[in-house]
């Protein structure tokens, strides 16, 4: 059984749904960032934010990537700190929440996959 087939099994339903939710929220946040950061204000440096969030969300969705989840969470925490210090108000926490959520469920999936492989090796 491949990783993709394993992810589609009934016992992985909750993990699959949570990974999908994390990715979709990442897509939505990237879209909102694109709209408000680039289209509304014309700040084209925000495209780097959009690209990073979108790339990590795609990797989480398609590959259940732990590395992408960790990068997203670390970047989001750094972004929250920088934004809070520069603007004086707490913002950007949604991305951090999605990143932490993605880290939890990518690690759960990888552990379940490793356990499955261990139990089914011949």
PDB file of N, CA and C in Angstrom:
ATOM      1  N   UNK A   1       0.848  -1.170   0.000  1.00  0.00           N
ATOM      2  CA  UNK A   1       0.000   0.000   0.000  1.00  0.00           C
ATOM      3  C   UNK A   1       0.898   1.238   0.000  1.00  0.00           C
ATOM      4  N   UNK A   2       0.555   2.208  -0.821  1.00  0.00           N
ATOM      5  CA  UNK A   2       1.317   3.450  -0.887  1.00  0.00           C
ATOM      6  C   UNK A   2       0.865   4.405   0.214  1.00  0.00           C
ATOM      7  N   UNK A   3       1.634   5.478   0.397  1.00  0.00           N
ATOM      8  CA  UNK A   3       1.259   6.495   1.394  1.00  0.00           C
ATOM      9  C   UNK A   3      -0.093   7.108   1.057  1.00  0.00           C
ATOM     10  N   UNK A   4      -0.329   7.382  -0.217  1.00  0.00           N
ATOM     11  CA  UNK A   4      -1.583   7.999  -0.648  1.00  0.00           C
ATOM     12  C   UNK A   4      -2.759   7.073  -0.374  1.00  0.00           C
ATOM     13  N   UNK A   5      -2.596   5.792  -0.656  1.00  0.00           N
ATOM     14  CA  UNK A   5      -3.653   4.816  -0.367  1.00  0.00           C
ATOM     15  C   UNK A   5      -3.875   4.695   1.137  1.00  0.00           C
ATOM     16  N   UNK A   6      -2.777   4.711   1.887  1.00  0.00           N
ATOM     17  CA  UNK A   6      -2.883   4.633   3.345  1.00  0.00           C
ATOM     18  C   UNK A   6      -3.636   5.836   3.901  1.00  0.00           C
ATOM     19  N   UNK A   7      -3.365   7.007   3.352  1.00  0.00           N
ATOM     20  CA  UNK A   7      -4.054   8.217   3.816  1.00  0.00           C
ATOM     21  C   UNK A   7      -5.556   8.129   3.572  1.00  0.00           C
ATOM     22  N   UNK A   8      -5.970   7.398   2.547  1.00  0.00           N
ATOM     23  CA  UNK A   8      -7.392   7.284   2.204  1.00  0.00           C
ATOM     24  C   UNK A   8      -8.116   6.186   2.967  1.00  0.00           C
ATOM     25  N   UNK A   9      -7.413   5.447   3.814  1.00  0.00           N
ATOM     26  CA  UNK A   9      -8.065   4.395   4.583  1.00  0.00           C
ATOM     27  C   UNK A   9      -8.983   4.993   5.645  1.00  0.00           C
ATOM     28  N   UNK A  10      -9.993   4.229   6.074  1.00  0.00           N
ATOM     29  CA  UNK A  10     -10.944   4.751   7.076  1.00  0.00           C
ATOM     30  C   UNK A  10     -10.296   5.182   8.397  1.00  0.00           C
ATOM     31  N   UNK A  11      -9.244   4.482   8.845  1.00  0.00           N
ATOM     32  CA  UNK A  11      -8.631   4.861  10.122  1.00  0.00           C
ATOM     33  C   UNK A  11      -7.865   6.180  10.032  1.00  0.00           C
ATOM     34  N   UNK A  12      -7.557   6.632   8.829  1.00  0.00           N
ATOM     35  CA  UNK A  12      -6.861   7.905   8.637  1.00  0.00           C
ATOM     36  C   UNK A  12      -7.820   9.046   8.318  1.00  0.00           C
ATOM     37  N   UNK A  13      -9.110   8.797   8.409  1.00  0.00           N
ATOM     38  CA  UNK A  13     -10.115   9.793   8.041  1.00  0.00           C
ATOM     39  C   UNK A  13      -9.963  11.101   8.817  1.00  0.00           C
ATOM     40  N   UNK A  14      -9.808  11.019  10.119  1.00  0.00           N
ATOM     41  CA  UNK A  14      -9.697  12.232  10.947  1.00  0.00           C
ATOM     42  C   UNK A  14      -8.418  12.995  10.615  1.00  0.00           C
ATOM     43  N   UNK A  15      -7.319  12.282  10.471  1.00  0.00           N
ATOM     44  CA  UNK A  15      -6.047  12.933  10.146  1.00  0.00           C
ATOM     45  C   UNK A  15      -6.129  13.559   8.756  1.00  0.00           C
ATOM     46  N   UNK A  16      -6.684  12.833   7.790  1.00  0.00           N
ATOM     47  CA  UNK A  16      -6.823  13.356   6.423  1.00  0.00           C
ATOM     48  C   UNK A  16      -7.658  14.637   6.416  1.00  0.00           C
ATOM     49  N   UNK A  17      -8.772  14.634   7.142  1.00  0.00           N
ATOM     50  CA  UNK A  17      -9.626  15.823   7.196  1.00  0.00           C
ATOM     51  C   UNK A  17      -8.919  17.006   7.848  1.00  0.00           C
ATOM     52  N   UNK A  18      -8.152  16.748   8.896  1.00  0.00           N
ATOM     53  CA  UNK A  18      -7.431  17.828   9.564  1.00  0.00           C
ATOM     54  C   UNK A  18      -6.300  18.387   8.700  1.00  0.00           C
ATOM     55  N   UNK A  19      -5.606  17.526   7.970  1.00  0.00           N
ATOM     56  CA  UNK A  19      -4.572  18.004   7.050  1.00  0.00           C
ATOM     57  C   UNK A  19      -5.195  18.831   5.931  1.00  0.00           C
ATOM     58  N   UNK A  20      -6.319  18.357   5.404  1.00  0.00           N
ATOM     59  CA  UNK A  20      -7.014  19.091   4.351  1.00  0.00           C
ATOM     60  C   UNK A  20      -7.484  20.452   4.867  1.00  0.00           C
ATOM     61  N   UNK A  21      -8.019  20.476   6.074  1.00  0.00           N
ATOM     62  CA  UNK A  21      -8.479  21.736   6.670  1.00  0.00           C
ATOM     63  C   UNK A  21      -7.326  22.714   6.858  1.00  0.00           C
ATOM     64  N   UNK A  22      -6.189  22.227   7.312  1.00  0.00           N
ATOM     65  CA  UNK A  22      -5.015  23.082   7.481  1.00  0.00           C
ATOM     66  C   UNK A  22      -4.596  23.684   6.151  1.00  0.00           C
ATOM     67  N   UNK A  23      -4.568  22.852   5.121  1.00  0.00           N
ATOM     68  CA  UNK A  23      -4.164  23.333   3.797  1.00  0.00           C
ATOM     69  C   UNK A  23      -5.158  24.359   3.260  1.00  0.00           C
ATOM     70  N   UNK A  24      -6.437  24.085   3.384  1.00  0.00           N
ATOM     71  CA  UNK A  24      -7.451  25.012   2.874  1.00  0.00           C
ATOM     72  C   UNK A  24      -7.380  26.347   3.610  1.00  0.00           C
ATOM     73  N   UNK A  25      -7.213  26.297   4.922  1.00  0.00           N
ATOM     74  CA  UNK A  25      -7.060  27.548   5.673  1.00  0.00           C
ATOM     75  C   UNK A  25      -5.811  28.296   5.229  1.00  0.00           C
ATOM     76  N   UNK A  26      -4.746  27.571   4.923  1.00  0.00           N
ATOM     77  CA  UNK A  26      -3.533  28.196   4.385  1.00  0.00           C
ATOM     78  C   UNK A  26      -3.809  28.870   3.052  1.00  0.00           C
ATOM     79  N   UNK A  27      -4.584  28.199   2.171  1.00  0.00           N
ATOM     80  CA  UNK A  27      -4.945  28.797   0.880  1.00  0.00           C
ATOM     81  C   UNK A  27      -5.750  30.076   1.078  1.00  0.00           C
ATOM     82  N   UNK A  28      -6.702  30.018   2.000  1.00  0.00           N
ATOM     83  CA  UNK A  28      -7.549  31.188   2.261  1.00  0.00           C
ATOM     84  C   UNK A  28      -6.717  32.342   2.804  1.00  0.00           C
ATOM     85  N   UNK A  29      -5.833  32.051   3.741  1.00  0.00           N
ATOM     86  CA  UNK A  29      -4.973  33.092   4.313  1.00  0.00           C
ATOM     87  C   UNK A  29      -4.053  33.677   3.245  1.00  0.00           C
ATOM     88  N   UNK A  30      -3.529  32.831   2.357  1.00  0.00           N
ATOM     89  CA  UNK A  30      -2.694  33.329   1.259  1.00  0.00           C
ATOM     90  C   UNK A  30      -3.508  34.255   0.349  1.00  0.00           C
ATOM     91  N   UNK A  31      -4.744  33.880   0.074  1.00  0.00           N
ATOM     92  CA  UNK A  31      -5.612  34.722  -0.755  1.00  0.00           C
ATOM     93  C   UNK A  31      -5.928  36.055  -0.099  1.00  0.00           C
ATOM     94  N   UNK A  32      -6.234  36.019   1.180  1.00  0.00           N
ATOM     95  CA  UNK A  32      -6.515  37.257   1.915  1.00  0.00           C
ATOM     96  C   UNK A  32      -5.274  38.139   1.961  1.00  0.00           C
ATOM     97  N   UNK A  33      -4.118  37.532   2.182  1.00  0.00           N
ATOM     98  CA  UNK A  33      -2.863  38.280   2.199  1.00  0.00           C
ATOM     99  C   UNK A  33      -2.595  38.905   0.840  1.00  0.00           C
ATOM    100  N   UNK A  34      -2.855  38.149  -0.213  1.00  0.00           N
ATOM    101  CA  UNK A  34      -2.685  38.678  -1.566  1.00  0.00           C
ATOM    102  C   UNK A  34      -3.600  39.874  -1.792  1.00  0.00           C
ATOM    103  N   UNK A  35      -4.851  39.742  -1.403  1.00  0.00           N
ATOM    104  CA  UNK A  35      -5.805  40.823  -1.632  1.00  0.00           C
ATOM    105  C   UNK A  35      -5.433  42.077  -0.849  1.00  0.00           C
ATOM    106  N   UNK A  36      -5.264  41.931   0.455  1.00  0.00           N
ATOM    107  CA  UNK A  36      -5.020  43.119   1.274  1.00  0.00           C
ATOM    108  C   UNK A  36      -3.591  43.638   1.163  1.00  0.00           C
ATOM    109  N   UNK A  37      -2.634  42.739   0.986  1.00  0.00           N
ATOM    110  CA  UNK A  37      -1.239  43.164   0.955  1.00  0.00           C
ATOM    111  C   UNK A  37      -0.785  43.684  -0.382  1.00  0.00           C
ATOM    112  N   UNK A  38      -1.261  43.100  -1.457  1.00  0.00           N
ATOM    113  CA  UNK A  38      -0.776  43.477  -2.780  1.00  0.00           C
ATOM    114  C   UNK A  38      -1.805  44.313  -3.525  1.00  0.00           C
ATOM    115  N   UNK A  39      -3.012  43.821  -3.632  1.00  0.00           N
ATOM    116  CA  UNK A  39      -4.029  44.502  -4.442  1.00  0.00           C
ATOM    117  C   UNK A  39      -4.476  45.809  -3.791  1.00  0.00           C
ATOM    118  N   UNK A  40      -4.758  45.783  -2.493  1.00  0.00           N
ATOM    119  CA  UNK A  40      -5.235  46.986  -1.814  1.00  0.00           C
ATOM    120  C   UNK A  40      -4.127  48.025  -1.611  1.00  0.00           C
ATOM    121  N   UNK A  41      -2.970  47.585  -1.134  1.00  0.00           N
ATOM    122  CA  UNK A  41      -1.931  48.548  -0.771  1.00  0.00           C
ATOM    123  C   UNK A  41      -0.816  48.672  -1.803  1.00  0.00           C
ATOM    124  N   UNK A  42      -0.710  47.720  -2.709  1.00  0.00           N
ATOM    125  CA  UNK A  42       0.337  47.783  -3.715  1.00  0.00           C
ATOM    126  C   UNK A  42       1.711  47.402  -3.204  1.00  0.00           C
ATOM    127  N   UNK A  43       1.786  46.741  -2.059  1.00  0.00           N
ATOM    128  CA  UNK A  43       3.055  46.310  -1.485  1.00  0.00           C
ATOM    129  C   UNK A  43       3.433  44.956  -2.093  1.00  0.00           C
ATOM    130  N   UNK A  44       4.298  44.967  -3.090  1.00  0.00           N
ATOM    131  CA  UNK A  44       4.634  43.749  -3.813  1.00  0.00           C
ATOM    132  C   UNK A  44       5.582  42.828  -3.050  1.00  0.00           C
ATOM    133  N   UNK A  45       6.167  43.304  -1.970  1.00  0.00           N
ATOM    134  CA  UNK A  45       6.984  42.429  -1.128  1.00  0.00           C
ATOM    135  C   UNK A  45       6.112  41.407  -0.406  1.00  0.00           C
ATOM    136  N   UNK A  46       4.828  41.700  -0.296  1.00  0.00           N
ATOM    137  CA  UNK A  46       3.886  40.774   0.330  1.00  0.00           C
ATOM    138  C   UNK A  46       3.730  39.510  -0.499  1.00  0.00           C
ATOM    139  N   UNK A  47       4.097  39.561  -1.771  1.00  0.00           N
ATOM    140  CA  UNK A  47       4.036  38.361  -2.603  1.00  0.00           C
ATOM    141  C   UNK A  47       4.923  37.251  -2.051  1.00  0.00           C
ATOM    142  N   UNK A  48       6.000  37.620  -1.373  1.00  0.00           N
ATOM    143  CA  UNK A  48       6.846  36.615  -0.727  1.00  0.00           C
ATOM    144  C   UNK A  48       6.075  35.874   0.361  1.00  0.00           C
ATOM    145  N   UNK A  49       5.304  36.610   1.146  1.00  0.00           N
ATOM    146  CA  UNK A  49       4.423  36.001   2.157  1.00  0.00           C
ATOM    147  C   UNK A  49       3.450  35.039   1.493  1.00  0.00           C
ATOM    148  N   UNK A  50       2.793  35.537   0.462  1.00  0.00           N
ATOM    149  CA  UNK A  50       1.785  34.747  -0.239  1.00  0.00           C
ATOM    150  C   UNK A  50       2.406  33.469  -0.797  1.00  0.00           C
ATOM    151  N   UNK A  51       3.553  33.599  -1.449  1.00  0.00           N
ATOM    152  CA  UNK A  51       4.208  32.436  -2.037  1.00  0.00           C
ATOM    153  C   UNK A  51       4.585  31.412  -0.974  1.00  0.00           C
ATOM    154  N   UNK A  52       5.160  31.862   0.127  1.00  0.00           N
ATOM    155  CA  UNK A  52       5.581  30.945   1.181  1.00  0.00           C
ATOM    156  C   UNK A  52       4.381  30.225   1.805  1.00  0.00           C
ATOM    157  N   UNK A  53       3.337  30.956   2.118  1.00  0.00           N
ATOM    158  CA  UNK A  53       2.152  30.351   2.720  1.00  0.00           C
ATOM    159  C   UNK A  53       1.498  29.376   1.744  1.00  0.00           C
ATOM    160  N   UNK A  54       1.397  29.783   0.485  1.00  0.00           N
ATOM    161  CA  UNK A  54       0.779  28.928  -0.523  1.00  0.00           C
ATOM    162  C   UNK A  54       1.615  27.672  -0.780  1.00  0.00           C
ATOM    163  N   UNK A  55       2.915  27.810  -0.900  1.00  0.00           N
ATOM    164  CA  UNK A  55       3.786  26.655  -1.141  1.00  0.00           C
ATOM    165  C   UNK A  55       3.725  25.662   0.026  1.00  0.00           C
ATOM    166  N   UNK A  56       3.807  26.167   1.237  1.00  0.00           N
ATOM    167  CA  UNK A  56       3.734  25.278   2.402  1.00  0.00           C
ATOM    168  C   UNK A  56       2.374  24.588   2.484  1.00  0.00           C
ATOM    169  N   UNK A  57       1.312  25.316   2.203  1.00  0.00           N
ATOM    170  CA  UNK A  57      -0.031  24.730   2.237  1.00  0.00           C
ATOM    171  C   UNK A  57      -0.182  23.639   1.183  1.00  0.00           C
ATOM    172  N   UNK A  58       0.352  23.879  -0.003  1.00  0.00           N
ATOM    173  CA  UNK A  58       0.300  22.860  -1.058  1.00  0.00           C
ATOM    174  C   UNK A  58       1.076  21.606  -0.657  1.00  0.00           C
ATOM    175  N   UNK A  59       2.253  21.785  -0.089  1.00  0.00           N
ATOM    176  CA  UNK A  59       3.053  20.636   0.338  1.00  0.00           C
ATOM    177  C   UNK A  59       2.390  19.866   1.477  1.00  0.00           C
ATOM    178  N   UNK A  60       1.731  20.575   2.367  1.00  0.00           N
ATOM    179  CA  UNK A  60       0.991  19.921   3.449  1.00  0.00           C
ATOM    180  C   UNK A  60      -0.171  19.124   2.866  1.00  0.00           C
ATOM    181  N   UNK A  61      -0.868  19.723   1.935  1.00  0.00           N
ATOM    182  CA  UNK A  61      -2.035  19.088   1.333  1.00  0.00           C
ATOM    183  C   UNK A  61      -1.648  17.877   0.478  1.00  0.00           C
ATOM    184  N   UNK A  62      -0.679  18.056  -0.394  1.00  0.00           N
ATOM    185  CA  UNK A  62      -0.357  17.012  -1.364  1.00  0.00           C
ATOM    186  C   UNK A  62       0.599  15.946  -0.844  1.00  0.00           C
ATOM    187  N   UNK A  63       1.549  16.334   0.003  1.00  0.00           N
ATOM    188  CA  UNK A  63       2.583  15.390   0.443  1.00  0.00           C
ATOM    189  C   UNK A  63       2.573  15.107   1.942  1.00  0.00           C
ATOM    190  N   UNK A  64       1.693  15.758   2.682  1.00  0.00           N
ATOM    191  CA  UNK A  64       1.654  15.632   4.138  1.00  0.00           C
ATOM    192  C   UNK A  64       3.046  15.906   4.716  1.00  0.00           C
ATOM    193  N   UNK A  65       3.668  16.969   4.228  1.00  0.00           N
ATOM    194  CA  UNK A  65       5.053  17.283   4.538  1.00  0.00           C
ATOM    195  C   UNK A  65       5.228  17.881   5.934  1.00  0.00           C
ATOM    196  N   UNK A  66       6.019  17.186   6.741  1.00  0.00           N
ATOM    197  CA  UNK A  66       6.338  17.709   8.069  1.00  0.00           C
ATOM    198  C   UNK A  66       7.228  18.939   7.961  1.00  0.00           C
ATOM    199  N   UNK A  67       8.153  18.914   7.033  1.00  0.00           N
ATOM    200  CA  UNK A  67       9.070  20.049   6.860  1.00  0.00           C
ATOM    201  C   UNK A  67       8.278  21.310   6.504  1.00  0.00           C
ATOM    202  N   UNK A  68       7.343  21.192   5.575  1.00  0.00           N
ATOM    203  CA  UNK A  68       6.533  22.354   5.190  1.00  0.00           C
ATOM    204  C   UNK A  68       5.705  22.860   6.368  1.00  0.00           C
ATOM    205  N   UNK A  69       5.182  21.961   7.172  1.00  0.00           N
ATOM    206  CA  UNK A  69       4.400  22.367   8.343  1.00  0.00           C
ATOM    207  C   UNK A  69       5.273  23.099   9.356  1.00  0.00           C
ATOM    208  N   UNK A  70       6.479  22.600   9.569  1.00  0.00           N
ATOM    209  CA  UNK A  70       7.394  23.245  10.513  1.00  0.00           C
ATOM    210  C   UNK A  70       7.824  24.614   9.985  1.00  0.00           C
ATOM    211  N   UNK A  71       8.135  24.684   8.695  1.00  0.00           N
ATOM    212  CA  UNK A  71       8.518  25.973   8.096  1.00  0.00           C
ATOM    213  C   UNK A  71       7.377  26.971   8.218  1.00  0.00           C
ATOM    214  N   UNK A  72       6.160  26.538   7.922  1.00  0.00           N
ATOM    215  CA  UNK A  72       5.000  27.426   8.026  1.00  0.00           C
ATOM    216  C   UNK A  72       4.809  27.912   9.461  1.00  0.00           C
ATOM    217  N   UNK A  73       4.903  27.011  10.421  1.00  0.00           N
ATOM    218  CA  UNK A  73       4.720  27.399  11.824  1.00  0.00           C
ATOM    219  C   UNK A  73       5.821  28.349  12.290  1.00  0.00           C
ATOM    220  N   UNK A  74       7.063  28.043  11.949  1.00  0.00           N
ATOM    221  CA  UNK A  74       8.175  28.906  12.372  1.00  0.00           C
ATOM    222  C   UNK A  74       8.076  30.283  11.721  1.00  0.00           C
ATOM    223  N   UNK A  75       7.777  30.305  10.431  1.00  0.00           N
ATOM    224  CA  UNK A  75       7.622  31.576   9.733  1.00  0.00           C
ATOM    225  C   UNK A  75       6.469  32.377  10.327  1.00  0.00           C
ATOM    226  N   UNK A  76       5.386  31.706  10.634  1.00  0.00           N
ATOM    227  CA  UNK A  76       4.219  32.398  11.185  1.00  0.00           C
ATOM    228  C   UNK A  76       4.514  32.995  12.553  1.00  0.00           C
ATOM    229  N   UNK A  77       5.216  32.255  13.399  1.00  0.00           N
ATOM    230  CA  UNK A  77       5.561  32.784  14.726  1.00  0.00           C
ATOM    231  C   UNK A  77       6.483  33.992  14.576  1.00  0.00           C
ATOM    232  N   UNK A  78       7.467  33.888  13.705  1.00  0.00           N
ATOM    233  CA  UNK A  78       8.357  35.021  13.442  1.00  0.00           C
ATOM    234  C   UNK A  78       7.560  36.215  12.910  1.00  0.00           C
ATOM    235  N   UNK A  79       6.639  35.951  12.007  1.00  0.00           N
ATOM    236  CA  UNK A  79       5.808  37.003  11.430  1.00  0.00           C
ATOM    237  C   UNK A  79       4.931  37.671  12.491  1.00  0.00           C
ATOM    238  N   UNK A  80       4.383  36.890  13.405  1.00  0.00           N
ATOM    239  CA  UNK A  80       3.562  37.449  14.489  1.00  0.00           C
ATOM    240  C   UNK A  80       4.409  38.368  15.361  1.00  0.00           C
ATOM    241  N   UNK A  81       5.610  37.940  15.703  1.00  0.00           N
ATOM    242  CA  UNK A  81       6.487  38.748  16.558  1.00  0.00           C
ATOM    243  C   UNK A  81       6.848  40.055  15.848  1.00  0.00           C
ATOM    244  N   UNK A  82       7.280  39.959  14.596  1.00  0.00           N
ATOM    245  CA  UNK A  82       7.681  41.157  13.850  1.00  0.00           C
ATOM    246  C   UNK A  82       6.502  42.104  13.661  1.00  0.00           C
ATOM    247  N   UNK A  83       5.348  41.567  13.297  1.00  0.00           N
ATOM    248  CA  UNK A  83       4.163  42.393  13.078  1.00  0.00           C
ATOM    249  C   UNK A  83       3.707  43.059  14.377  1.00  0.00           C
ATOM    250  N   UNK A  84       3.733  42.321  15.468  1.00  0.00           N
ATOM    251  CA  UNK A  84       3.319  42.879  16.755  1.00  0.00           C
ATOM    252  C   UNK A  84       4.261  43.989  17.198  1.00  0.00           C
ATOM    253  N   UNK A  85       5.544  43.784  17.027  1.00  0.00           N
ATOM    254  CA  UNK A  85       6.515  44.808  17.420  1.00  0.00           C
ATOM    255  C   UNK A  85       6.393  46.040  16.523  1.00  0.00           C
ATOM    256  N   UNK A  86       6.243  45.843  15.223  1.00  0.00           N
ATOM    257  CA  UNK A  86       6.217  46.991  14.306  1.00  0.00           C
ATOM    258  C   UNK A  86       4.896  47.746  14.330  1.00  0.00           C
ATOM    259  N   UNK A  87       3.783  47.043  14.498  1.00  0.00           N
ATOM    260  CA  UNK A  87       2.472  47.712  14.472  1.00  0.00           C
ATOM    261  C   UNK A  87       1.932  48.032  15.855  1.00  0.00           C
ATOM    262  N   UNK A  88       2.461  47.386  16.862  1.00  0.00           N
ATOM    263  CA  UNK A  88       1.985  47.631  18.214  1.00  0.00           C
ATOM    264  C   UNK A  88       0.706  46.892  18.550  1.00  0.00           C
ATOM    265  N   UNK A  89       0.210  46.055  17.646  1.00  0.00           N
ATOM    266  CA  UNK A  89      -0.968  45.260  17.975  1.00  0.00           C
ATOM    267  C   UNK A  89      -0.759  43.827  17.496  1.00  0.00           C
ATOM    268  N   UNK A  90      -1.343  42.917  18.227  1.00  0.00           N
ATOM    269  CA  UNK A  90      -1.191  41.486  17.978  1.00  0.00           C
ATOM    270  C   UNK A  90      -1.955  41.100  16.714  1.00  0.00           C
ATOM    271  N   UNK A  91      -1.227  40.622  15.711  1.00  0.00           N
ATOM    272  CA  UNK A  91      -1.892  40.201  14.472  1.00  0.00           C
ATOM    273  C   UNK A  91      -1.093  39.106  13.790  1.00  0.00           C
ATOM    274  N   UNK A  92      -1.719  38.441  12.840  1.00  0.00           N
ATOM    275  CA  UNK A  92      -1.071  37.376  12.106  1.00  0.00           C
ATOM    276  C   UNK A  92      -1.121  36.028  12.801  1.00  0.00           C
ATOM    277  N   UNK A  93      -1.906  35.929  13.838  1.00  0.00           N
ATOM    278  CA  UNK A  93      -1.936  34.711  14.633  1.00  0.00           C
ATOM    279  C   UNK A  93      -2.647  33.561  13.936  1.00  0.00           C
ATOM    280  N   UNK A  94      -3.480  33.846  12.954  1.00  0.00           N
ATOM    281  CA  UNK A  94      -4.171  32.774  12.229  1.00  0.00           C
ATOM    282  C   UNK A  94      -3.176  31.870  11.516  1.00  0.00           C
ATOM    283  N   UNK A  95      -2.175  32.451  10.919  1.00  0.00           N
ATOM    284  CA  UNK A  95      -1.172  31.654  10.205  1.00  0.00           C
ATOM    285  C   UNK A  95      -0.422  30.769  11.194  1.00  0.00           C
ATOM    286  N   UNK A  96      -0.100  31.309  12.354  1.00  0.00           N
ATOM    287  CA  UNK A  96       0.591  30.519  13.379  1.00  0.00           C
ATOM    288  C   UNK A  96      -0.295  29.369  13.854  1.00  0.00           C
ATOM    289  N   UNK A  97      -1.563  29.629  14.018  1.00  0.00           N
ATOM    290  CA  UNK A  97      -2.503  28.593  14.436  1.00  0.00           C
ATOM    291  C   UNK A  97      -2.585  27.479  13.391  1.00  0.00           C
ATOM    292  N   UNK A  98      -2.679  27.846  12.134  1.00  0.00           N
ATOM    293  CA  UNK A  98      -2.723  26.865  11.049  1.00  0.00           C
ATOM    294  C   UNK A  98      -1.415  26.083  10.999  1.00  0.00           C
ATOM    295  N   UNK A  99      -0.293  26.759  11.172  1.00  0.00           N
ATOM    296  CA  UNK A  99       1.006  26.094  11.151  1.00  0.00           C
ATOM    297  C   UNK A  99       1.158  25.069  12.264  1.00  0.00           C
ATOM    298  N   UNK A 100       0.767  25.433  13.462  1.00  0.00           N
ATOM    299  CA  UNK A 100       0.860  24.508  14.596  1.00  0.00           C
ATOM    300  C   UNK A 100      -0.074  23.317  14.380  1.00  0.00           C
ATOM    301  N   UNK A 101      -1.265  23.582  13.911  1.00  0.00           N
ATOM    302  CA  UNK A 101      -2.248  22.543  13.612  1.00  0.00           C
ATOM    303  C   UNK A 101      -1.685  21.581  12.558  1.00  0.00           C
ATOM    304  N   UNK A 102      -1.055  22.116  11.532  1.00  0.00           N
ATOM    305  CA  UNK A 102      -0.466  21.297  10.475  1.00  0.00           C
ATOM    306  C   UNK A 102       0.696  20.466  11.011  1.00  0.00           C
ATOM    307  N   UNK A 103       1.510  21.040  11.887  1.00  0.00           N
ATOM    308  CA  UNK A 103       2.623  20.289  12.480  1.00  0.00           C
ATOM    309  C   UNK A 103       2.089  19.083  13.256  1.00  0.00           C
ATOM    310  N   UNK A 104       1.070  19.313  14.057  1.00  0.00           N
ATOM    311  CA  UNK A 104       0.503  18.224  14.864  1.00  0.00           C
ATOM    312  C   UNK A 104       0.031  17.086  13.976  1.00  0.00           C
ATOM    313  N   UNK A 105      -0.735  17.401  12.939  1.00  0.00           N
ATOM    314  CA  UNK A 105      -1.339  16.339  12.133  1.00  0.00           C
ATOM    315  C   UNK A 105      -0.389  15.735  11.106  1.00  0.00           C
ATOM    316  N   UNK A 106       0.611  16.458  10.640  1.00  0.00           N
ATOM    317  CA  UNK A 106       1.590  15.815   9.766  1.00  0.00           C
ATOM    318  C   UNK A 106       2.434  14.825  10.563  1.00  0.00           C
ATOM    319  N   UNK A 107       2.770  15.178  11.801  1.00  0.00           N
ATOM    320  CA  UNK A 107       3.529  14.247  12.628  1.00  0.00           C
ATOM    321  C   UNK A 107       2.692  13.020  12.992  1.00  0.00           C
ATOM    322  N   UNK A 108       1.405  13.219  13.254  1.00  0.00           N
ATOM    323  CA  UNK A 108       0.532  12.074  13.543  1.00  0.00           C
ATOM    324  C   UNK A 108       0.430  11.151  12.331  1.00  0.00           C
ATOM    325  N   UNK A 109       0.315  11.752  11.153  1.00  0.00           N
ATOM    326  CA  UNK A 109       0.233  10.924   9.949  1.00  0.00           C
ATOM    327  C   UNK A 109       1.527  10.150   9.731  1.00  0.00           C
ATOM    328  N   UNK A 110       2.658  10.820   9.851  1.00  0.00           N
ATOM    329  CA  UNK A 110       3.932  10.154   9.620  1.00  0.00           C
ATOM    330  C   UNK A 110       4.160   9.023  10.628  1.00  0.00           C
ATOM    331  N   UNK A 111       3.735   9.224  11.871  1.00  0.00           N
ATOM    332  CA  UNK A 111       3.862   8.176  12.884  1.00  0.00           C
ATOM    333  C   UNK A 111       2.972   6.992  12.529  1.00  0.00           C
ATOM    334  N   UNK A 112       1.735   7.256  12.120  1.00  0.00           N
ATOM    335  CA  UNK A 112       0.827   6.175  11.737  1.00  0.00           C
ATOM    336  C   UNK A 112       1.353   5.425  10.517  1.00  0.00           C
ATOM    337  N   UNK A 113       1.916   6.144   9.549  1.00  0.00           N
ATOM    338  CA  UNK A 113       2.470   5.528   8.356  1.00  0.00           C
ATOM    339  C   UNK A 113       3.659   4.636   8.716  1.00  0.00           C
ATOM    340  N   UNK A 114       4.524   5.139   9.596  1.00  0.00           N
ATOM    341  CA  UNK A 114       5.686   4.360  10.017  1.00  0.00           C
ATOM    342  C   UNK A 114       5.246   3.100  10.766  1.00  0.00           C
ATOM    343  N   UNK A 115       4.242   3.236  11.641  1.00  0.00           N
ATOM    344  CA  UNK A 115       3.721   2.075  12.368  1.00  0.00           C
ATOM    345  C   UNK A 115       3.109   1.059  11.412  1.00  0.00           C
ATOM    346  N   UNK A 116       2.400   1.529  10.408  1.00  0.00           N
ATOM    347  CA  UNK A 116       1.807   0.646   9.402  1.00  0.00           C
ATOM    348  C   UNK A 116       2.891  -0.113   8.648  1.00  0.00           C
ATOM    349  N   UNK A 117       3.932   0.596   8.234  1.00  0.00           N
ATOM    350  CA  UNK A 117       5.017  -0.046   7.516  1.00  0.00           C
ATOM    351  C   UNK A 117       5.715  -1.099   8.388  1.00  0.00           C
ATOM    352  N   UNK A 118       5.904  -0.751   9.658  1.00  0.00           N
ATOM    353  CA  UNK A 118       6.572  -1.660  10.583  1.00  0.00           C
ATOM    354  C   UNK A 118       5.740  -2.929  10.784  1.00  0.00           C
ATOM    355  N   UNK A 119       4.425  -2.777  10.919  1.00  0.00           N
ATOM    356  CA  UNK A 119       3.540  -3.915  11.145  1.00  0.00           C
ATOM    357  C   UNK A 119       3.388  -4.792   9.910  1.00  0.00           C
ATOM    358  N   UNK A 120       3.587  -4.234   8.723  1.00  0.00           N
ATOM    359  CA  UNK A 120       3.350  -4.966   7.485  1.00  0.00           C
ATOM    360  C   UNK A 120       4.614  -5.318   6.715  1.00  0.00           C
ATOM    361  N   UNK A 121       5.763  -5.206   7.338  1.00  0.00           N
ATOM    362  CA  UNK A 121       6.981  -5.593   6.619  1.00  0.00           C
ATOM    363  C   UNK A 121       7.103  -7.116   6.661  1.00  0.00           C
ATOM    364  N   UNK A 122       7.669  -7.609   5.589  1.00  0.00           N
ATOM    365  CA  UNK A 122       7.735  -9.069   5.485  1.00  0.00           C
ATOM    366  C   UNK A 122       9.123  -9.557   5.296  1.00  0.00           C
TER     367      UNK A 122
END
